[in-house]
PDB file of N, CA and C in Angstrom:
ATOM      1  N   MET A   1      58.798 -49.094  44.096  1.00  0.00           N
ATOM      2  CA  MET A   1      59.620 -48.661  45.149  1.00  0.00           C
ATOM      3  C   MET A   1      60.182 -50.169  46.528  1.00  0.00           C
ATOM      4  N   THR A   2      61.346 -50.440  46.401  1.00  0.00           N
ATOM      5  CA  THR A   2      61.368 -51.544  47.031  1.00  0.00           C
ATOM      6  C   THR A   2      61.234 -51.238  48.324  1.00  0.00           C
ATOM      7  N   GLU A   3      61.219 -52.587  49.469  1.00  0.00           N
ATOM      8  CA  GLU A   3      61.577 -52.641  50.639  1.00  0.00           C
ATOM      9  C   GLU A   3      62.322 -51.855  51.310  1.00  0.00           C
ATOM     10  N   LEU A   4      63.832 -51.994  50.721  1.00  0.00           N
ATOM     11  CA  LEU A   4      64.903 -51.236  50.833  1.00  0.00           C
ATOM     12  C   LEU A   4      64.916 -49.515  50.264  1.00  0.00           C
ATOM     13  N   GLY A   5      64.827 -49.242  49.313  1.00  0.00           N
ATOM     14  CA  GLY A   5      63.676 -47.838  48.921  1.00  0.00           C
ATOM     15  C   GLY A   5      63.226 -47.008  50.393  1.00  0.00           C
ATOM     16  N   TYR A   6      62.210 -47.992  50.460  1.00  0.00           N
ATOM     17  CA  TYR A   6      61.429 -47.474  51.765  1.00  0.00           C
ATOM     18  C   TYR A   6      62.083 -47.262  52.856  1.00  0.00           C
ATOM     19  N   VAL A   7      63.209 -47.984  53.731  1.00  0.00           N
ATOM     20  CA  VAL A   7      63.793 -47.923  54.642  1.00  0.00           C
ATOM     21  C   VAL A   7      65.020 -46.578  54.534  1.00  0.00           C
ATOM     22  N   ALA A   8      64.963 -46.451  53.142  1.00  0.00           N
ATOM     23  CA  ALA A   8      66.531 -45.588  53.140  1.00  0.00           C
ATOM     24  C   ALA A   8      65.770 -44.052  52.898  1.00  0.00           C
ATOM     25  N   THR A   9      64.432 -44.151  52.342  1.00  0.00           N
ATOM     26  CA  THR A   9      63.700 -42.729  52.362  1.00  0.00           C
ATOM     27  C   THR A   9      63.373 -42.678  54.099  1.00  0.00           C
ATOM     28  N   ALA A  10      62.675 -43.489  54.578  1.00  0.00           N
ATOM     29  CA  ALA A  10      63.106 -43.406  56.388  1.00  0.00           C
ATOM     30  C   ALA A  10      63.741 -42.800  57.059  1.00  0.00           C
ATOM     31  N   ILE A  11      64.959 -43.549  56.794  1.00  0.00           N
ATOM     32  CA  ILE A  11      66.028 -43.507  57.324  1.00  0.00           C
ATOM     33  C   ILE A  11      66.404 -41.508  57.298  1.00  0.00           C
ATOM     34  N   ALA A  12      66.399 -41.275  56.141  1.00  0.00           N
ATOM     35  CA  ALA A  12      66.651 -39.524  55.566  1.00  0.00           C
ATOM     36  C   ALA A  12      65.919 -38.726  56.334  1.00  0.00           C
ATOM     37  N   PHE A  13      64.453 -39.409  55.653  1.00  0.00           N
ATOM     38  CA  PHE A  13      63.417 -38.070  56.621  1.00  0.00           C
ATOM     39  C   PHE A  13      63.737 -37.835  58.109  1.00  0.00           C
ATOM     40  N   THR A  14      64.655 -39.515  58.865  1.00  0.00           N
ATOM     41  CA  THR A  14      64.270 -39.191  60.085  1.00  0.00           C
ATOM     42  C   THR A  14      65.665 -38.528  60.661  1.00  0.00           C
ATOM     43  N   GLY A  15      66.398 -38.904  59.476  1.00  0.00           N
ATOM     44  CA  GLY A  15      67.465 -37.763  59.865  1.00  0.00           C
ATOM     45  C   GLY A  15      68.022 -36.302  59.676  1.00  0.00           C
ATOM     46  N   VAL A  16      66.773 -35.762  58.641  1.00  0.00           N
ATOM     47  CA  VAL A  16      66.671 -34.734  58.388  1.00  0.00           C
ATOM     48  C   VAL A  16      66.072 -34.126  59.667  1.00  0.00           C
ATOM     49  N   GLY A  17      65.070 -34.476  60.007  1.00  0.00           N
ATOM     50  CA  GLY A  17      64.129 -34.333  61.372  1.00  0.00           C
ATOM     51  C   GLY A  17      64.504 -34.508  62.794  1.00  0.00           C
ATOM     52  N   PHE A  18      65.802 -35.593  62.739  1.00  0.00           N
ATOM     53  CA  PHE A  18      67.029 -34.999  63.823  1.00  0.00           C
ATOM     54  C   PHE A  18      67.224 -33.719  63.814  1.00  0.00           C
ATOM     55  N   LEU A  19      67.921 -33.983  62.643  1.00  0.00           N
ATOM     56  CA  LEU A  19      68.769 -32.360  62.095  1.00  0.00           C
ATOM     57  C   LEU A  19      68.465 -31.110  62.532  1.00  0.00           C
ATOM     58  N   LEU A  20      67.017 -31.293  61.921  1.00  0.00           N
ATOM     59  CA  LEU A  20      66.515 -29.858  62.032  1.00  0.00           C
ATOM     60  C   LEU A  20      65.954 -29.755  64.059  1.00  0.00           C
ATOM     61  N   CYS A  21      65.043 -30.834  64.462  1.00  0.00           N
ATOM     62  CA  CYS A  21      65.152 -30.784  65.882  1.00  0.00           C
ATOM     63  C   CYS A  21      66.315 -29.628  66.986  1.00  0.00           C
ATOM     64  N   ALA A  22      67.449 -30.893  66.516  1.00  0.00           N
ATOM     65  CA  ALA A  22      68.815 -30.354  66.601  1.00  0.00           C
ATOM     66  C   ALA A  22      69.120 -28.558  66.988  1.00  0.00           C
ATOM     67  N   THR A  23      69.318 -28.395  65.188  1.00  0.00           N
ATOM     68  CA  THR A  23      69.092 -27.229  65.406  1.00  0.00           C
ATOM     69  C   THR A  23      68.426 -26.515  65.659  1.00  0.00           C
ATOM     70  N   PHE A  24      66.961 -26.654  66.419  1.00  0.00           N
ATOM     71  CA  PHE A  24      66.494 -25.680  66.114  1.00  0.00           C
ATOM     72  C   PHE A  24      65.943 -25.371  68.134  1.00  0.00           C
ATOM     73  N   PHE A  25      66.778 -26.565  68.947  1.00  0.00           N
ATOM     74  CA  PHE A  25      66.213 -26.852  69.750  1.00  0.00           C
ATOM     75  C   PHE A  25      67.961 -26.333  70.506  1.00  0.00           C
ATOM     76  N   THR A  26      69.079 -26.213  69.949  1.00  0.00           N
ATOM     77  CA  THR A  26      70.172 -26.081  69.997  1.00  0.00           C
ATOM     78  C   THR A  26      70.426 -24.366  70.901  1.00  0.00           C
ATOM     79  N   ARG A  27      69.483 -23.460  69.568  1.00  0.00           N
ATOM     80  CA  ARG A  27      69.464 -22.478  69.474  1.00  0.00           C
ATOM     81  C   ARG A  27      68.804 -22.065  70.158  1.00  0.00           C
ATOM     82  N   ALA A  28      68.002 -22.641  70.579  1.00  0.00           N
ATOM     83  CA  ALA A  28      66.942 -21.890  71.737  1.00  0.00           C
ATOM     84  C   ALA A  28      67.431 -21.607  72.613  1.00  0.00           C
ATOM     85  N   TYR A  29      68.280 -23.118  72.945  1.00  0.00           N
ATOM     86  CA  TYR A  29      69.167 -23.372  74.558  1.00  0.00           C
ATOM     87  C   TYR A  29      70.193 -22.170  74.353  1.00  0.00           C
ATOM     88  N   TRP A  30      70.914 -21.218  73.810  1.00  0.00           N
ATOM     89  CA  TRP A  30      71.946 -20.860  73.760  1.00  0.00           C
ATOM     90  C   TRP A  30      71.223 -19.231  73.402  1.00  0.00           C
ATOM     91  N   ASP A  31      69.861 -18.913  72.958  1.00  0.00           N
ATOM     92  CA  ASP A  31      68.987 -17.896  73.485  1.00  0.00           C
ATOM     93  C   ASP A  31      68.688 -17.770  74.953  1.00  0.00           C
ATOM     94  N   ALA A  32      68.118 -19.287  74.830  1.00  0.00           N
ATOM     95  CA  ALA A  32      67.832 -18.427  76.760  1.00  0.00           C
ATOM     96  C   ALA A  32      69.066 -18.462  78.057  1.00  0.00           C
ATOM     97  N   MET A  33      69.853 -18.926  77.302  1.00  0.00           N
ATOM     98  CA  MET A  33      71.210 -18.810  77.917  1.00  0.00           C
ATOM     99  C   MET A  33      71.993 -17.510  78.026  1.00  0.00           C
ATOM    100  N   ARG A  34      71.873 -16.622  76.862  1.00  0.00           N
ATOM    101  CA  ARG A  34      72.006 -15.495  76.148  1.00  0.00           C
ATOM    102  C   ARG A  34      70.944 -14.410  77.333  1.00  0.00           C
ATOM    103  N   ASP A  35      70.059 -14.741  77.282  1.00  0.00           N
ATOM    104  CA  ASP A  35      69.029 -14.179  78.453  1.00  0.00           C
ATOM    105  C   ASP A  35      69.054 -14.439  79.688  1.00  0.00           C
ATOM    106  N   ARG A  36      69.174 -15.295  80.068  1.00  0.00           N
ATOM    107  CA  ARG A  36      69.870 -15.736  81.520  1.00  0.00           C
ATOM    108  C   ARG A  36      70.500 -14.933  82.193  1.00  0.00           C
ATOM    109  N   GLY A  37      71.678 -14.687  80.673  1.00  0.00           N
ATOM    110  CA  GLY A  37      72.824 -13.895  81.383  1.00  0.00           C
ATOM    111  C   GLY A  37      72.815 -12.656  81.487  1.00  0.00           C
ATOM    112  N   GLU A  38      72.089 -12.098  80.379  1.00  0.00           N
ATOM    113  CA  GLU A  38      71.438 -10.522  80.328  1.00  0.00           C
ATOM    114  C   GLU A  38      70.561 -10.187  81.753  1.00  0.00           C
ATOM    115  N   LEU A  39      69.867 -11.431  82.201  1.00  0.00           N
ATOM    116  CA  LEU A  39      68.462 -10.678  83.098  1.00  0.00           C
ATOM    117  C   LEU A  39      69.570 -10.759  84.519  1.00  0.00           C
ATOM    118  N   LEU A  40      70.738 -11.385  84.536  1.00  0.00           N
ATOM    119  CA  LEU A  40      71.420 -11.361  85.922  1.00  0.00           C
ATOM    120  C   LEU A  40      72.184 -10.768  86.327  1.00  0.00           C
ATOM    121  N   LEU A  41      72.588 -10.288  85.000  1.00  0.00           N
ATOM    122  CA  LEU A  41      73.844  -8.378  84.529  1.00  0.00           C
ATOM    123  C   LEU A  41      72.401  -7.685  85.185  1.00  0.00           C
ATOM    124  N   ALA A  42      71.419  -7.215  85.004  1.00  0.00           N
ATOM    125  CA  ALA A  42      69.885  -6.364  84.494  1.00  0.00           C
ATOM    126  C   ALA A  42      70.096  -6.482  86.308  1.00  0.00           C
ATOM    127  N   LEU A  43      69.585  -7.668  87.317  1.00  0.00           N
ATOM    128  CA  LEU A  43      69.942  -7.793  88.211  1.00  0.00           C
ATOM    129  C   LEU A  43      71.431  -7.296  89.112  1.00  0.00           C
ATOM    130  N   PHE A  44      71.970  -7.782  88.934  1.00  0.00           N
ATOM    131  CA  PHE A  44      73.299  -7.220  89.442  1.00  0.00           C
ATOM    132  C   PHE A  44      73.239  -6.175  89.620  1.00  0.00           C
ATOM    133  N   ASN A  45      72.997  -5.016  88.398  1.00  0.00           N
ATOM    134  CA  ASN A  45      73.152  -3.582  88.462  1.00  0.00           C
ATOM    135  C   ASN A  45      72.184  -3.190  89.615  1.00  0.00           C
ATOM    136  N   ALA A  46      70.877  -3.907  89.180  1.00  0.00           N
ATOM    137  CA  ALA A  46      69.789  -3.198  89.673  1.00  0.00           C
ATOM    138  C   ALA A  46      70.733  -3.231  91.936  1.00  0.00           C
ATOM    139  N   GLY A  47      70.868  -3.822  91.983  1.00  0.00           N
ATOM    140  CA  GLY A  47      71.466  -4.717  93.345  1.00  0.00           C
ATOM    141  C   GLY A  47      72.464  -3.376  94.192  1.00  0.00           C
ATOM    142  N   SER A  48      73.550  -3.240  92.609  1.00  0.00           N
ATOM    143  CA  SER A  48      75.063  -2.238  92.387  1.00  0.00           C
ATOM    144  C   SER A  48      73.873  -0.489  92.913  1.00  0.00           C
ATOM    145  N   ALA A  49      73.228  -0.174  91.708  1.00  0.00           N
ATOM    146  CA  ALA A  49      72.223   1.083  92.490  1.00  0.00           C
ATOM    147  C   ALA A  49      71.697   1.021  93.498  1.00  0.00           C
ATOM    148  N   LEU A  50      71.152  -0.194  94.083  1.00  0.00           N
ATOM    149  CA  LEU A  50      70.438   0.198  95.185  1.00  0.00           C
ATOM    150  C   LEU A  50      70.934   0.633  96.042  1.00  0.00           C
ATOM    151  N   LYS A  51      72.380  -0.274  96.154  1.00  0.00           N
ATOM    152  CA  LYS A  51      73.623  -0.172  97.398  1.00  0.00           C
ATOM    153  C   LYS A  51      73.673   1.089  97.156  1.00  0.00           C
ATOM    154  N   ALA A  52      74.267   1.873  96.068  1.00  0.00           N
ATOM    155  CA  ALA A  52      74.527   2.725  96.257  1.00  0.00           C
ATOM    156  C   ALA A  52      73.686   4.036  96.563  1.00  0.00           C
ATOM    157  N   ALA A  53      72.031   3.707  96.785  1.00  0.00           N
ATOM    158  CA  ALA A  53      71.264   4.612  97.185  1.00  0.00           C
ATOM    159  C   ALA A  53      71.435   4.413  98.521  1.00  0.00           C
ATOM    160  N   GLY A  54      71.002   3.258  99.045  1.00  0.00           N
ATOM    161  CA  GLY A  54      71.999   3.020 100.376  1.00  0.00           C
ATOM    162  C   GLY A  54      72.976   4.136 101.062  1.00  0.00           C
ATOM    163  N   ARG A  55      73.470   3.478 100.563  1.00  0.00           N
ATOM    164  CA  ARG A  55      75.130   4.465 100.844  1.00  0.00           C
ATOM    165  C   ARG A  55      74.622   5.970 100.546  1.00  0.00           C
ATOM    166  N   ALA A  56      74.433   6.453 100.140  1.00  0.00           N
ATOM    167  CA  ALA A  56      73.847   8.021  99.666  1.00  0.00           C
ATOM    168  C   ALA A  56      73.352   8.251 100.394  1.00  0.00           C
ATOM    169  N   GLU A  57      72.203   7.496 100.991  1.00  0.00           N
ATOM    170  CA  GLU A  57      71.062   7.935 101.947  1.00  0.00           C
ATOM    171  C   GLU A  57      71.878   7.782 103.414  1.00  0.00           C
ATOM    172  N   GLU A  58      72.364   6.979 103.755  1.00  0.00           N
ATOM    173  CA  GLU A  58      73.568   6.897 105.356  1.00  0.00           C
ATOM    174  C   GLU A  58      74.443   7.856 105.137  1.00  0.00           C
ATOM    175  N   ALA A  59      75.232   8.897 104.096  1.00  0.00           N
ATOM    176  CA  ALA A  59      75.905   9.876 103.911  1.00  0.00           C
ATOM    177  C   ALA A  59      75.095  11.574 104.601  1.00  0.00           C
ATOM    178  N   ALA A  60      73.711  11.555 103.771  1.00  0.00           N
ATOM    179  CA  ALA A  60      72.949  12.417 103.890  1.00  0.00           C
ATOM    180  C   ALA A  60      72.469  12.449 105.638  1.00  0.00           C
ATOM    181  N   LEU A  61      72.324  11.074 105.981  1.00  0.00           N
ATOM    182  CA  LEU A  61      71.353  11.186 107.475  1.00  0.00           C
ATOM    183  C   LEU A  61      72.548  11.584 108.069  1.00  0.00           C
ATOM    184  N   ALA A  62      73.682  10.904 107.648  1.00  0.00           N
ATOM    185  CA  ALA A  62      74.821  11.360 108.870  1.00  0.00           C
ATOM    186  C   ALA A  62      75.297  12.573 108.624  1.00  0.00           C
ATOM    187  N   PHE A  63      74.633  13.380 107.747  1.00  0.00           N
ATOM    188  CA  PHE A  63      75.854  14.812 107.685  1.00  0.00           C
ATOM    189  C   PHE A  63      74.607  15.463 108.349  1.00  0.00           C
ATOM    190  N   GLY A  64      73.215  14.819 108.005  1.00  0.00           N
ATOM    191  CA  GLY A  64      71.583  15.660 108.826  1.00  0.00           C
ATOM    192  C   GLY A  64      72.199  15.716 110.214  1.00  0.00           C
ATOM    193  N   ILE A  65      72.843  14.548 110.952  1.00  0.00           N
ATOM    194  CA  ILE A  65      73.201  14.227 112.124  1.00  0.00           C
ATOM    195  C   ILE A  65      74.216  14.952 112.363  1.00  0.00           C
ATOM    196  N   ALA A  66      74.780  15.335 111.759  1.00  0.00           N
ATOM    197  CA  ALA A  66      76.561  16.301 111.754  1.00  0.00           C
ATOM    198  C   ALA A  66      76.091  18.000 111.878  1.00  0.00           C
ATOM    199  N   LYS A  67      75.455  18.029 111.056  1.00  0.00           N
ATOM    200  CA  LYS A  67      74.854  19.863 111.102  1.00  0.00           C
ATOM    201  C   LYS A  67      73.924  19.931 112.159  1.00  0.00           C
ATOM    202  N   LYS A  68      72.783  19.374 112.718  1.00  0.00           N
ATOM    203  CA  LYS A  68      72.157  19.031 113.844  1.00  0.00           C
ATOM    204  C   LYS A  68      73.024  19.363 115.299  1.00  0.00           C
ATOM    205  N   VAL A  69      73.978  18.557 115.530  1.00  0.00           N
ATOM    206  CA  VAL A  69      75.226  18.631 116.250  1.00  0.00           C
ATOM    207  C   VAL A  69      75.939  20.059 116.440  1.00  0.00           C
ATOM    208  N   GLN A  70      75.806  20.669 114.906  1.00  0.00           N
ATOM    209  CA  GLN A  70      77.239  21.551 114.739  1.00  0.00           C
ATOM    210  C   GLN A  70      76.175  22.883 115.051  1.00  0.00           C
ATOM    211  N   GLU A  71      74.904  22.210 114.515  1.00  0.00           N
ATOM    212  CA  GLU A  71      73.954  23.944 114.924  1.00  0.00           C
ATOM    213  C   GLU A  71      73.749  23.762 116.938  1.00  0.00           C
ATOM    214  N   THR A  72      73.653  22.947 117.764  1.00  0.00           N
ATOM    215  CA  THR A  72      73.779  22.941 118.834  1.00  0.00           C
ATOM    216  C   THR A  72      74.066  22.965 120.191  1.00  0.00           C
ATOM    217  N   SER A  73      76.050  22.227 119.043  1.00  0.00           N
ATOM    218  CA  SER A  73      76.781  23.101 119.785  1.00  0.00           C
ATOM    219  C   SER A  73      77.528  24.681 119.928  1.00  0.00           C
ATOM    220  N   ALA A  74      76.867  24.900 118.722  1.00  0.00           N
ATOM    221  CA  ALA A  74      77.102  26.233 118.437  1.00  0.00           C
ATOM    222  C   ALA A  74      76.393  27.549 119.776  1.00  0.00           C
TER     223      ALA A  74
END
């Protein structure tokens, strides 16, 4: 094989290697972005649930206070 053949083979293998690495890392990148988006959505939903629970607790507390006021005024 001539020197030109060695160079062409090296370039071909390098190109295939870069293509495989780019494909792998691009896929890994987008998988990570998708997972990050799902994590942020889960955190947002958890925050909304905690907020709703806090409102329910405040409503229950207000109802309890109103009930005590009603009992003492009656």
